[in-house]
Amino acid sequence: MINGLLHALILDEKGGAHPIENSKQLHQWQPTDGKLWVHMDYSQTDAVDWLKNCGLLNDYELESLTADETRPRITPTTNGHMLFLRGINLNPAQSPEDMVSIRLFINNDVVITTRKRRLLSVQDILASLNNNEGPCSISELVCTLAHKLTSRMQTVIDELDESLDDFEEEIDEPSKKFDNQGLSQLRRQTIALKRYLKPQKEALSSMVNNHYPWLFDDDKAKLNETTNLLIRYLEELDSSIERALVIQQTITNQVSEQLNQRMYVMSVVAALFLPLGFLTGLLGVNVGGIPGTESPYAFTAFVVFLIVLTGGIGIYFKNKKWL
């Protein structure tokens, strides 16, 4: 078997599929045998060689189908169309916003999907085909894959909303230290998700609004629901970005207000003790002629005078509503 070939199936158009057992049978496949779904790991050299020699792709199209980075879109090719989609990264020890790319070549008789990292949505479709409950056509296969990729985003987006709820609760608890780093990480995740979902929405909308020979009108209704679901997720991401920004601004305002209050208290204290410092400094100079040096009550009188002066300044500040 070809190294990098994950599976090759012929749809029986009844919800099931027949696996192709060896590379010879795959090379001998003809459109009259049934609709073919080939799924490959494009990081393997043998898989790339097969794509190059299959006669369906030119060099430019092959390069696009195996590129390291892709943007979600749909584009025409010589023998069909290429569709680039992204799915949430649910692989262990991976970040969800590091979305997994899957690339599709589609025409009336065959669909070729390539990926580098595992996608659970593909495994779901394989399981449904094994149970004779899977897609019956290439059109339904593509629409089902798009729907499963989109529906799996719900859990991650809900987790983002719950995290934002926790951050909003932390704002109301001044005694608890706010996790600024966690909020920044959440904002980066949200922005990264939106980066790929917005062009993906445009690609799916293009599929709904335009005619493609391999896409049946009956499946466009399901694809339209997938597009609407993706639009809702984008709106939730926009809302999450705005909520995160409001939380960050609120925290910044709280810190600024606390700093201003502390600076205000320090300024009032400095203003109260400024005359006292001036007088004590003036009387503390080591020169002759300082009044009261011969009187035993001079120090007591001076302390009382300072207390009265401080009280008078405090009353003045109170009347001015500075305290």
C-alpha atoms as a PDB file:
ATOM      1  CA  MET A   1       0.000   0.000   0.000  1.00  0.00           C
ATOM      2  CA  ILE A   2       1.089   3.584  -0.561  1.00  0.00           C
ATOM      3  CA  ASN A   3       2.902   5.079   2.423  1.00  0.00           C
ATOM      4  CA  GLY A   4       0.788   8.041   3.552  1.00  0.00           C
ATOM      5  CA  LEU A   5      -2.499   6.670   2.195  1.00  0.00           C
ATOM      6  CA  LEU A   6      -4.830   6.721   5.193  1.00  0.00           C
ATOM      7  CA  HIS A   7      -7.773   5.175   3.396  1.00  0.00           C
ATOM      8  CA  ALA A   8      -9.336   4.799  -0.033  1.00  0.00           C
ATOM      9  CA  LEU A   9     -13.061   4.085  -0.206  1.00  0.00           C
ATOM     10  CA  ILE A  10     -15.617   3.603  -2.957  1.00  0.00           C
ATOM     11  CA  LEU A  11     -19.006   4.913  -1.854  1.00  0.00           C
ATOM     12  CA  ASP A  12     -21.850   2.469  -2.443  1.00  0.00           C
ATOM     13  CA  GLU A  13     -24.337   5.389  -2.595  1.00  0.00           C
ATOM     14  CA  LYS A  14     -26.400   3.711   0.142  1.00  0.00           C
ATOM     15  CA  GLY A  15     -24.577   5.122   3.177  1.00  0.00           C
ATOM     16  CA  GLY A  16     -21.727   2.641   3.136  1.00  0.00           C
ATOM     17  CA  ALA A  17     -18.374   2.217   1.380  1.00  0.00           C
ATOM     18  CA  HIS A  18     -16.064  -0.494   0.091  1.00  0.00           C
ATOM     19  CA  PRO A  19     -12.377  -0.145   1.009  1.00  0.00           C
ATOM     20  CA  ILE A  20      -9.666  -0.430  -1.616  1.00  0.00           C
ATOM     21  CA  GLU A  21      -7.262  -3.035  -0.334  1.00  0.00           C
ATOM     22  CA  ASN A  22      -4.061  -2.321  -2.293  1.00  0.00           C
ATOM     23  CA  SER A  23      -2.349   0.262  -4.475  1.00  0.00           C
ATOM     24  CA  LYS A  24      -2.922  -1.800  -7.653  1.00  0.00           C
ATOM     25  CA  GLN A  25      -6.663  -1.696  -7.146  1.00  0.00           C
ATOM     26  CA  LEU A  26      -6.426   2.047  -6.520  1.00  0.00           C
ATOM     27  CA  HIS A  27      -4.525   2.605  -9.787  1.00  0.00           C
ATOM     28  CA  GLN A  28      -7.082   0.529 -11.662  1.00  0.00           C
ATOM     29  CA  TRP A  29     -10.072   2.453 -10.332  1.00  0.00           C
ATOM     30  CA  GLN A  30     -12.420   3.880 -12.961  1.00  0.00           C
ATOM     31  CA  PRO A  31     -15.344   6.318 -12.525  1.00  0.00           C
ATOM     32  CA  THR A  32     -17.708   3.482 -13.440  1.00  0.00           C
ATOM     33  CA  ASP A  33     -16.618   1.647 -10.268  1.00  0.00           C
ATOM     34  CA  GLY A  34     -18.273   4.274  -8.059  1.00  0.00           C
ATOM     35  CA  LYS A  35     -17.471   7.529  -6.284  1.00  0.00           C
ATOM     36  CA  LEU A  36     -13.946   7.442  -4.835  1.00  0.00           C
ATOM     37  CA  TRP A  37     -12.760   9.039  -1.600  1.00  0.00           C
ATOM     38  CA  VAL A  38      -8.990   9.058  -1.084  1.00  0.00           C
ATOM     39  CA  HIS A  39      -7.612  10.398   2.196  1.00  0.00           C
ATOM     40  CA  MET A  40      -3.851  11.031   2.481  1.00  0.00           C
ATOM     41  CA  ASP A  41      -1.155  12.410   4.746  1.00  0.00           C
ATOM     42  CA  TYR A  42       0.582  14.963   2.528  1.00  0.00           C
ATOM     43  CA  SER A  43       3.692  14.949   4.725  1.00  0.00           C
ATOM     44  CA  GLN A  44       4.598  11.519   3.295  1.00  0.00           C
ATOM     45  CA  THR A  45       6.626  11.473   0.076  1.00  0.00           C
ATOM     46  CA  ASP A  46       4.788   8.465  -1.410  1.00  0.00           C
ATOM     47  CA  ALA A  47       1.454  10.228  -0.974  1.00  0.00           C
ATOM     48  CA  VAL A  48       2.750  13.316  -2.772  1.00  0.00           C
ATOM     49  CA  ASP A  49       4.118  11.150  -5.579  1.00  0.00           C
ATOM     50  CA  TRP A  50       0.722   9.503  -6.024  1.00  0.00           C
ATOM     51  CA  LEU A  51      -0.998  12.887  -6.145  1.00  0.00           C
ATOM     52  CA  LYS A  52       1.522  14.008  -8.744  1.00  0.00           C
ATOM     53  CA  ASN A  53       0.961  10.957 -10.936  1.00  0.00           C
ATOM     54  CA  CYS A  54      -2.798  10.613 -10.559  1.00  0.00           C
ATOM     55  CA  GLY A  55      -3.418  12.887 -13.566  1.00  0.00           C
ATOM     56  CA  LEU A  56      -5.894  15.134 -11.780  1.00  0.00           C
ATOM     57  CA  LEU A  57      -3.595  17.963 -10.632  1.00  0.00           C
ATOM     58  CA  ASN A  58      -1.031  20.144 -12.317  1.00  0.00           C
ATOM     59  CA  ASP A  59       2.121  21.257 -10.505  1.00  0.00           C
ATOM     60  CA  TYR A  60       0.621  24.485  -9.167  1.00  0.00           C
ATOM     61  CA  GLU A  61      -2.489  22.719  -7.873  1.00  0.00           C
ATOM     62  CA  LEU A  62      -0.381  19.979  -6.281  1.00  0.00           C
ATOM     63  CA  GLU A  63       1.756  22.585  -4.520  1.00  0.00           C
ATOM     64  CA  SER A  64      -1.368  24.257  -3.156  1.00  0.00           C
ATOM     65  CA  LEU A  65      -2.772  20.937  -1.967  1.00  0.00           C
ATOM     66  CA  THR A  66       0.414  20.093  -0.042  1.00  0.00           C
ATOM     67  CA  ALA A  67       1.487  23.548   1.181  1.00  0.00           C
ATOM     68  CA  ASP A  68       2.438  23.964   4.843  1.00  0.00           C
ATOM     69  CA  GLU A  69       0.105  26.933   5.341  1.00  0.00           C
ATOM     70  CA  THR A  70      -3.242  27.476   3.654  1.00  0.00           C
ATOM     71  CA  ARG A  71      -6.065  29.959   3.919  1.00  0.00           C
ATOM     72  CA  PRO A  72      -9.654  28.618   3.825  1.00  0.00           C
ATOM     73  CA  ARG A  73     -11.062  29.127   0.329  1.00  0.00           C
ATOM     74  CA  ILE A  74     -12.527  27.383  -2.699  1.00  0.00           C
ATOM     75  CA  THR A  75     -10.842  27.720  -6.069  1.00  0.00           C
ATOM     76  CA  PRO A  76     -11.370  26.129  -9.509  1.00  0.00           C
ATOM     77  CA  THR A  77      -8.802  23.741 -10.968  1.00  0.00           C
ATOM     78  CA  THR A  78      -8.269  22.112 -14.334  1.00  0.00           C
ATOM     79  CA  ASN A  79     -10.273  18.996 -13.468  1.00  0.00           C
ATOM     80  CA  GLY A  80     -12.506  20.180 -10.636  1.00  0.00           C
ATOM     81  CA  HIS A  81     -12.237  22.401  -7.573  1.00  0.00           C
ATOM     82  CA  MET A  82     -10.005  22.677  -4.534  1.00  0.00           C
ATOM     83  CA  LEU A  83     -11.542  23.421  -1.153  1.00  0.00           C
ATOM     84  CA  PHE A  84      -9.411  24.385   1.843  1.00  0.00           C
ATOM     85  CA  LEU A  85     -10.977  24.128   5.310  1.00  0.00           C
ATOM     86  CA  ARG A  86      -9.838  24.357   8.920  1.00  0.00           C
ATOM     87  CA  GLY A  87     -10.956  22.446  11.979  1.00  0.00           C
ATOM     88  CA  ILE A  88     -10.440  22.926  15.709  1.00  0.00           C
ATOM     89  CA  ASN A  89      -7.275  21.224  16.923  1.00  0.00           C
ATOM     90  CA  LEU A  90      -8.503  18.687  19.483  1.00  0.00           C
ATOM     91  CA  ASN A  91      -5.359  16.560  19.410  1.00  0.00           C
ATOM     92  CA  PRO A  92      -3.736  15.866  22.824  1.00  0.00           C
ATOM     93  CA  ALA A  93      -1.376  18.567  24.149  1.00  0.00           C
ATOM     94  CA  GLN A  94      -2.345  20.909  21.308  1.00  0.00           C
ATOM     95  CA  SER A  95      -3.897  24.386  21.371  1.00  0.00           C
ATOM     96  CA  PRO A  96      -7.408  24.596  19.864  1.00  0.00           C
ATOM     97  CA  GLU A  97      -6.631  27.864  18.080  1.00  0.00           C
ATOM     98  CA  ASP A  98      -3.822  26.117  16.165  1.00  0.00           C
ATOM     99  CA  MET A  99      -6.435  24.941  13.691  1.00  0.00           C
ATOM    100  CA  VAL A 100      -5.835  21.823  11.612  1.00  0.00           C
ATOM    101  CA  SER A 101      -5.961  22.247   7.845  1.00  0.00           C
ATOM    102  CA  ILE A 102      -7.663  19.794   5.508  1.00  0.00           C
ATOM    103  CA  ARG A 103      -7.441  20.237   1.735  1.00  0.00           C
ATOM    104  CA  LEU A 104      -9.916  18.743  -0.730  1.00  0.00           C
ATOM    105  CA  PHE A 105      -9.800  18.141  -4.450  1.00  0.00           C
ATOM    106  CA  ILE A 106     -13.333  17.556  -5.705  1.00  0.00           C
ATOM    107  CA  ASN A 107     -14.950  16.651  -8.994  1.00  0.00           C
ATOM    108  CA  ASN A 108     -17.951  14.569 -10.075  1.00  0.00           C
ATOM    109  CA  ASP A 109     -16.238  11.216  -9.521  1.00  0.00           C
ATOM    110  CA  VAL A 110     -13.564  11.597  -6.866  1.00  0.00           C
ATOM    111  CA  VAL A 111     -12.739  13.554  -3.751  1.00  0.00           C
ATOM    112  CA  ILE A 112      -9.171  13.615  -2.456  1.00  0.00           C
ATOM    113  CA  THR A 113      -8.572  14.904   1.054  1.00  0.00           C
ATOM    114  CA  THR A 114      -5.108  15.593   2.450  1.00  0.00           C
ATOM    115  CA  ARG A 115      -3.996  16.526   5.938  1.00  0.00           C
ATOM    116  CA  LYS A 116      -0.948  16.442   8.171  1.00  0.00           C
ATOM    117  CA  ARG A 117      -2.542  16.178  11.602  1.00  0.00           C
ATOM    118  CA  ARG A 118      -5.446  13.978  12.610  1.00  0.00           C
ATOM    119  CA  LEU A 119      -8.993  15.309  12.395  1.00  0.00           C
ATOM    120  CA  LEU A 120     -11.764  13.720  14.452  1.00  0.00           C
ATOM    121  CA  SER A 121     -14.381  14.830  11.929  1.00  0.00           C
ATOM    122  CA  VAL A 122     -12.891  12.491   9.316  1.00  0.00           C
ATOM    123  CA  GLN A 123     -12.969   9.644  11.821  1.00  0.00           C
ATOM    124  CA  ASP A 124     -16.641  10.353  12.496  1.00  0.00           C
ATOM    125  CA  ILE A 125     -17.472  10.065   8.802  1.00  0.00           C
ATOM    126  CA  LEU A 126     -15.514   6.814   8.536  1.00  0.00           C
ATOM    127  CA  ALA A 127     -17.460   5.396  11.484  1.00  0.00           C
ATOM    128  CA  SER A 128     -20.772   6.361   9.904  1.00  0.00           C
ATOM    129  CA  LEU A 129     -19.749   4.720   6.621  1.00  0.00           C
ATOM    130  CA  ASN A 130     -18.834   1.540   8.482  1.00  0.00           C
ATOM    131  CA  ASN A 131     -22.335   1.570   9.984  1.00  0.00           C
ATOM    132  CA  ASN A 132     -23.945   2.198   6.570  1.00  0.00           C
ATOM    133  CA  GLU A 133     -25.163   5.580   7.818  1.00  0.00           C
ATOM    134  CA  GLY A 134     -22.645   7.778   6.018  1.00  0.00           C
ATOM    135  CA  PRO A 135     -22.811  10.100   3.013  1.00  0.00           C
ATOM    136  CA  CYS A 136     -24.161   8.613  -0.211  1.00  0.00           C
ATOM    137  CA  SER A 137     -22.471  10.976  -2.655  1.00  0.00           C
ATOM    138  CA  ILE A 138     -19.470  13.252  -3.033  1.00  0.00           C
ATOM    139  CA  SER A 139     -21.740  16.251  -2.531  1.00  0.00           C
ATOM    140  CA  GLU A 140     -23.055  14.881   0.755  1.00  0.00           C
ATOM    141  CA  LEU A 141     -19.541  13.849   1.820  1.00  0.00           C
ATOM    142  CA  VAL A 142     -18.172  17.374   1.378  1.00  0.00           C
ATOM    143  CA  CYS A 143     -21.163  18.982   3.105  1.00  0.00           C
ATOM    144  CA  THR A 144     -20.986  16.497   5.993  1.00  0.00           C
ATOM    145  CA  LEU A 145     -17.280  17.138   6.482  1.00  0.00           C
ATOM    146  CA  ALA A 146     -17.841  20.909   6.511  1.00  0.00           C
ATOM    147  CA  HIS A 147     -20.681  20.524   9.014  1.00  0.00           C
ATOM    148  CA  LYS A 148     -18.703  18.298  11.383  1.00  0.00           C
ATOM    149  CA  LEU A 149     -15.697  20.617  11.270  1.00  0.00           C
ATOM    150  CA  THR A 150     -17.963  23.535  12.141  1.00  0.00           C
ATOM    151  CA  SER A 151     -20.053  21.853  14.832  1.00  0.00           C
ATOM    152  CA  ARG A 152     -16.942  20.787  16.775  1.00  0.00           C
ATOM    153  CA  MET A 153     -16.100  24.467  17.298  1.00  0.00           C
ATOM    154  CA  GLN A 154     -19.041  24.875  19.689  1.00  0.00           C
ATOM    155  CA  THR A 155     -17.260  23.347  22.680  1.00  0.00           C
ATOM    156  CA  VAL A 156     -14.186  25.565  22.339  1.00  0.00           C
ATOM    157  CA  ILE A 157     -16.256  28.728  21.864  1.00  0.00           C
ATOM    158  CA  ASP A 158     -18.387  27.849  24.913  1.00  0.00           C
ATOM    159  CA  GLU A 159     -15.210  27.393  26.953  1.00  0.00           C
ATOM    160  CA  LEU A 160     -14.037  30.849  25.868  1.00  0.00           C
ATOM    161  CA  ASP A 161     -17.343  32.341  27.031  1.00  0.00           C
ATOM    162  CA  GLU A 162     -17.100  30.543  30.377  1.00  0.00           C
ATOM    163  CA  SER A 163     -13.543  31.803  30.843  1.00  0.00           C
ATOM    164  CA  LEU A 164     -14.703  35.346  30.161  1.00  0.00           C
ATOM    165  CA  ASP A 165     -17.472  34.892  32.736  1.00  0.00           C
ATOM    166  CA  ASP A 166     -14.819  33.886  35.287  1.00  0.00           C
ATOM    167  CA  PHE A 167     -12.724  36.951  34.448  1.00  0.00           C
ATOM    168  CA  GLU A 168     -15.769  39.206  34.841  1.00  0.00           C
ATOM    169  CA  GLU A 169     -16.413  37.701  38.272  1.00  0.00           C
ATOM    170  CA  GLU A 170     -12.801  38.360  39.264  1.00  0.00           C
ATOM    171  CA  ILE A 171     -13.333  42.058  38.557  1.00  0.00           C
ATOM    172  CA  ASP A 172     -15.920  42.171  41.345  1.00  0.00           C
ATOM    173  CA  GLU A 173     -13.433  40.641  43.805  1.00  0.00           C
ATOM    174  CA  PRO A 174     -10.754  43.312  44.418  1.00  0.00           C
ATOM    175  CA  SER A 175      -9.039  41.139  47.025  1.00  0.00           C
ATOM    176  CA  LYS A 176      -8.285  38.469  44.408  1.00  0.00           C
ATOM    177  CA  LYS A 177      -5.300  38.969  42.141  1.00  0.00           C
ATOM    178  CA  PHE A 178      -6.424  39.322  38.531  1.00  0.00           C
ATOM    179  CA  ASP A 179      -4.889  36.961  35.949  1.00  0.00           C
ATOM    180  CA  ASN A 180      -3.794  39.431  33.269  1.00  0.00           C
ATOM    181  CA  GLN A 181      -1.675  36.824  31.510  1.00  0.00           C
ATOM    182  CA  GLY A 182      -4.645  34.452  31.281  1.00  0.00           C
ATOM    183  CA  LEU A 183      -6.828  37.168  29.785  1.00  0.00           C
ATOM    184  CA  SER A 184      -4.172  38.034  27.210  1.00  0.00           C
ATOM    185  CA  GLN A 185      -3.875  34.362  26.260  1.00  0.00           C
ATOM    186  CA  LEU A 186      -7.640  34.119  25.842  1.00  0.00           C
ATOM    187  CA  ARG A 187      -7.667  37.182  23.590  1.00  0.00           C
ATOM    188  CA  ARG A 188      -4.938  35.666  21.426  1.00  0.00           C
ATOM    189  CA  GLN A 189      -6.895  32.420  21.118  1.00  0.00           C
ATOM    190  CA  THR A 190     -10.051  34.243  20.109  1.00  0.00           C
ATOM    191  CA  ILE A 191      -8.288  36.361  17.495  1.00  0.00           C
ATOM    192  CA  ALA A 192      -6.502  33.285  16.078  1.00  0.00           C
ATOM    193  CA  LEU A 193      -9.811  31.416  15.719  1.00  0.00           C
ATOM    194  CA  LYS A 194     -11.442  34.349  13.977  1.00  0.00           C
ATOM    195  CA  ARG A 195      -8.495  34.596  11.603  1.00  0.00           C
ATOM    196  CA  TYR A 196      -9.421  31.281   9.980  1.00  0.00           C
ATOM    197  CA  LEU A 197     -13.179  31.193  10.511  1.00  0.00           C
ATOM    198  CA  LYS A 198     -13.894  34.387   8.614  1.00  0.00           C
ATOM    199  CA  PRO A 199     -12.419  33.223   5.256  1.00  0.00           C
ATOM    200  CA  GLN A 200     -13.940  29.776   5.867  1.00  0.00           C
ATOM    201  CA  LYS A 201     -17.364  31.388   6.120  1.00  0.00           C
ATOM    202  CA  GLU A 202     -16.731  33.143   2.824  1.00  0.00           C
ATOM    203  CA  ALA A 203     -15.740  29.842   1.168  1.00  0.00           C
ATOM    204  CA  LEU A 204     -18.886  28.078   2.371  1.00  0.00           C
ATOM    205  CA  SER A 205     -21.047  31.017   1.341  1.00  0.00           C
ATOM    206  CA  SER A 206     -19.513  30.864  -2.128  1.00  0.00           C
ATOM    207  CA  MET A 207     -20.438  27.185  -2.339  1.00  0.00           C
ATOM    208  CA  VAL A 208     -24.033  27.982  -1.394  1.00  0.00           C
ATOM    209  CA  ASN A 209     -24.416  30.910  -3.785  1.00  0.00           C
ATOM    210  CA  ASN A 210     -22.660  29.485  -6.854  1.00  0.00           C
ATOM    211  CA  HIS A 211     -23.096  26.445  -9.058  1.00  0.00           C
ATOM    212  CA  TYR A 212     -20.673  23.524  -8.759  1.00  0.00           C
ATOM    213  CA  PRO A 213     -21.269  20.388 -10.848  1.00  0.00           C
ATOM    214  CA  TRP A 214     -20.470  18.046  -7.957  1.00  0.00           C
ATOM    215  CA  LEU A 215     -22.636  19.917  -5.402  1.00  0.00           C
ATOM    216  CA  PHE A 216     -26.303  18.943  -5.400  1.00  0.00           C
ATOM    217  CA  ASP A 217     -28.998  21.508  -4.720  1.00  0.00           C
ATOM    218  CA  ASP A 218     -30.484  19.263  -2.023  1.00  0.00           C
ATOM    219  CA  ASP A 219     -27.217  19.421  -0.084  1.00  0.00           C
ATOM    220  CA  LYS A 220     -27.004  23.207  -0.327  1.00  0.00           C
ATOM    221  CA  ALA A 221     -29.697  23.527   2.339  1.00  0.00           C
ATOM    222  CA  LYS A 222     -27.501  21.624   4.809  1.00  0.00           C
ATOM    223  CA  LEU A 223     -24.471  23.618   3.726  1.00  0.00           C
ATOM    224  CA  ASN A 224     -26.434  26.824   4.233  1.00  0.00           C
ATOM    225  CA  GLU A 225     -27.219  25.786   7.813  1.00  0.00           C
ATOM    226  CA  THR A 226     -23.518  25.081   8.344  1.00  0.00           C
ATOM    227  CA  THR A 227     -22.700  28.549   7.016  1.00  0.00           C
ATOM    228  CA  ASN A 228     -25.249  30.150   9.347  1.00  0.00           C
ATOM    229  CA  LEU A 229     -23.795  28.198  12.255  1.00  0.00           C
ATOM    230  CA  LEU A 230     -20.324  29.429  11.350  1.00  0.00           C
ATOM    231  CA  ILE A 231     -21.620  33.005  11.128  1.00  0.00           C
ATOM    232  CA  ARG A 232     -23.051  32.651  14.642  1.00  0.00           C
ATOM    233  CA  TYR A 233     -19.689  31.412  15.909  1.00  0.00           C
ATOM    234  CA  LEU A 234     -17.998  34.413  14.316  1.00  0.00           C
ATOM    235  CA  GLU A 235     -20.468  36.722  16.033  1.00  0.00           C
ATOM    236  CA  GLU A 236     -19.720  35.022  19.350  1.00  0.00           C
ATOM    237  CA  LEU A 237     -15.990  35.432  18.731  1.00  0.00           C
ATOM    238  CA  ASP A 238     -16.503  39.129  17.967  1.00  0.00           C
ATOM    239  CA  SER A 239     -18.472  39.420  21.190  1.00  0.00           C
ATOM    240  CA  SER A 240     -15.721  37.595  23.101  1.00  0.00           C
ATOM    241  CA  ILE A 241     -13.055  39.909  21.710  1.00  0.00           C
ATOM    242  CA  GLU A 242     -15.086  42.955  22.744  1.00  0.00           C
ATOM    243  CA  ARG A 243     -15.795  41.502  26.193  1.00  0.00           C
ATOM    244  CA  ALA A 244     -12.113  40.778  26.718  1.00  0.00           C
ATOM    245  CA  LEU A 245     -11.269  44.334  25.679  1.00  0.00           C
ATOM    246  CA  VAL A 246     -13.863  45.763  28.090  1.00  0.00           C
ATOM    247  CA  ILE A 247     -12.488  43.584  30.907  1.00  0.00           C
ATOM    248  CA  GLN A 248      -8.936  44.732  30.147  1.00  0.00           C
ATOM    249  CA  GLN A 249     -10.032  48.382  30.096  1.00  0.00           C
ATOM    250  CA  THR A 250     -11.925  47.923  33.357  1.00  0.00           C
ATOM    251  CA  ILE A 251      -8.870  46.416  35.050  1.00  0.00           C
ATOM    252  CA  THR A 252      -6.695  49.219  33.694  1.00  0.00           C
ATOM    253  CA  ASN A 253      -9.164  51.821  34.986  1.00  0.00           C
ATOM    254  CA  GLN A 254      -9.289  50.139  38.398  1.00  0.00           C
ATOM    255  CA  VAL A 255      -5.507  50.109  38.680  1.00  0.00           C
ATOM    256  CA  SER A 256      -5.341  53.718  37.522  1.00  0.00           C
ATOM    257  CA  GLU A 257      -8.028  54.741  40.024  1.00  0.00           C
ATOM    258  CA  GLN A 258      -6.245  52.987  42.866  1.00  0.00           C
ATOM    259  CA  LEU A 259      -2.992  54.677  41.908  1.00  0.00           C
ATOM    260  CA  ASN A 260      -4.691  58.077  41.724  1.00  0.00           C
ATOM    261  CA  GLN A 261      -6.276  57.566  45.147  1.00  0.00           C
ATOM    262  CA  ARG A 262      -2.938  56.666  46.681  1.00  0.00           C
ATOM    263  CA  MET A 263      -1.208  59.591  45.032  1.00  0.00           C
ATOM    264  CA  TYR A 264      -4.021  61.869  46.239  1.00  0.00           C
ATOM    265  CA  VAL A 265      -3.613  60.683  49.843  1.00  0.00           C
ATOM    266  CA  MET A 266       0.131  61.190  49.632  1.00  0.00           C
ATOM    267  CA  SER A 267      -0.376  64.689  48.222  1.00  0.00           C
ATOM    268  CA  VAL A 268      -2.793  65.616  51.035  1.00  0.00           C
ATOM    269  CA  VAL A 269      -0.391  64.280  53.665  1.00  0.00           C
ATOM    270  CA  ALA A 270       2.464  66.225  52.073  1.00  0.00           C
ATOM    271  CA  ALA A 271       0.332  69.374  52.013  1.00  0.00           C
ATOM    272  CA  LEU A 272      -0.571  68.940  55.697  1.00  0.00           C
ATOM    273  CA  PHE A 273       3.016  68.552  56.801  1.00  0.00           C
ATOM    274  CA  LEU A 274       4.583  71.076  54.440  1.00  0.00           C
ATOM    275  CA  PRO A 275       4.095  74.080  56.829  1.00  0.00           C
ATOM    276  CA  LEU A 276       5.232  71.919  59.756  1.00  0.00           C
ATOM    277  CA  GLY A 277       8.386  70.944  57.946  1.00  0.00           C
ATOM    278  CA  PHE A 278       9.062  74.549  57.020  1.00  0.00           C
ATOM    279  CA  LEU A 279       8.674  75.771  60.603  1.00  0.00           C
ATOM    280  CA  THR A 280      10.706  72.982  62.188  1.00  0.00           C
ATOM    281  CA  GLY A 281      13.397  73.459  59.584  1.00  0.00           C
ATOM    282  CA  LEU A 282      13.428  77.187  60.152  1.00  0.00           C
ATOM    283  CA  LEU A 283      13.705  76.862  63.949  1.00  0.00           C
ATOM    284  CA  GLY A 284      16.247  74.089  63.644  1.00  0.00           C
ATOM    285  CA  VAL A 285      18.971  76.195  62.050  1.00  0.00           C
ATOM    286  CA  ASN A 286      22.036  76.409  64.278  1.00  0.00           C
ATOM    287  CA  VAL A 287      22.357  80.210  64.474  1.00  0.00           C
ATOM    288  CA  GLY A 288      21.810  82.739  67.233  1.00  0.00           C
ATOM    289  CA  GLY A 289      18.548  84.597  67.739  1.00  0.00           C
ATOM    290  CA  ILE A 290      16.184  81.648  67.743  1.00  0.00           C
ATOM    291  CA  PRO A 291      13.165  82.728  69.890  1.00  0.00           C
ATOM    292  CA  GLY A 292      12.315  80.729  73.000  1.00  0.00           C
ATOM    293  CA  THR A 293      15.721  79.249  73.590  1.00  0.00           C
ATOM    294  CA  GLU A 294      15.714  80.604  77.160  1.00  0.00           C
ATOM    295  CA  SER A 295      12.092  79.664  78.025  1.00  0.00           C
ATOM    296  CA  PRO A 296      11.284  76.191  79.437  1.00  0.00           C
ATOM    297  CA  TYR A 297       7.770  76.392  77.918  1.00  0.00           C
ATOM    298  CA  ALA A 298       8.846  77.328  74.404  1.00  0.00           C
ATOM    299  CA  PHE A 299       8.943  73.731  73.080  1.00  0.00           C
ATOM    300  CA  THR A 300       5.496  72.884  74.519  1.00  0.00           C
ATOM    301  CA  ALA A 301       4.048  76.072  73.064  1.00  0.00           C
ATOM    302  CA  PHE A 302       5.626  75.313  69.679  1.00  0.00           C
ATOM    303  CA  VAL A 303       4.189  71.749  69.641  1.00  0.00           C
ATOM    304  CA  VAL A 304       0.720  73.055  70.532  1.00  0.00           C
ATOM    305  CA  PHE A 305       1.036  75.649  67.793  1.00  0.00           C
ATOM    306  CA  LEU A 306       1.947  72.953  65.263  1.00  0.00           C
ATOM    307  CA  ILE A 307      -1.067  70.829  66.329  1.00  0.00           C
ATOM    308  CA  VAL A 308      -3.396  73.814  65.993  1.00  0.00           C
ATOM    309  CA  LEU A 309      -1.881  74.680  62.624  1.00  0.00           C
ATOM    310  CA  THR A 310      -2.318  71.110  61.379  1.00  0.00           C
ATOM    311  CA  GLY A 311      -5.923  71.044  62.592  1.00  0.00           C
ATOM    312  CA  GLY A 312      -6.600  74.372  60.895  1.00  0.00           C
ATOM    313  CA  ILE A 313      -5.178  73.129  57.592  1.00  0.00           C
ATOM    314  CA  GLY A 314      -7.271  69.960  57.919  1.00  0.00           C
ATOM    315  CA  ILE A 315     -10.454  72.012  58.477  1.00  0.00           C
ATOM    316  CA  TYR A 316      -9.587  74.170  55.489  1.00  0.00           C
ATOM    317  CA  PHE A 317      -9.118  71.090  53.288  1.00  0.00           C
ATOM    318  CA  LYS A 318     -12.422  69.698  54.590  1.00  0.00           C
ATOM    319  CA  ASN A 319     -14.300  72.858  53.717  1.00  0.00           C
ATOM    320  CA  LYS A 320     -12.768  72.771  50.235  1.00  0.00           C
ATOM    321  CA  LYS A 321     -13.867  69.102  49.982  1.00  0.00           C
ATOM    322  CA  TRP A 322     -10.316  68.013  49.409  1.00  0.00           C
ATOM    323  CA  LEU A 323     -10.659  65.460  52.193  1.00  0.00           C
END
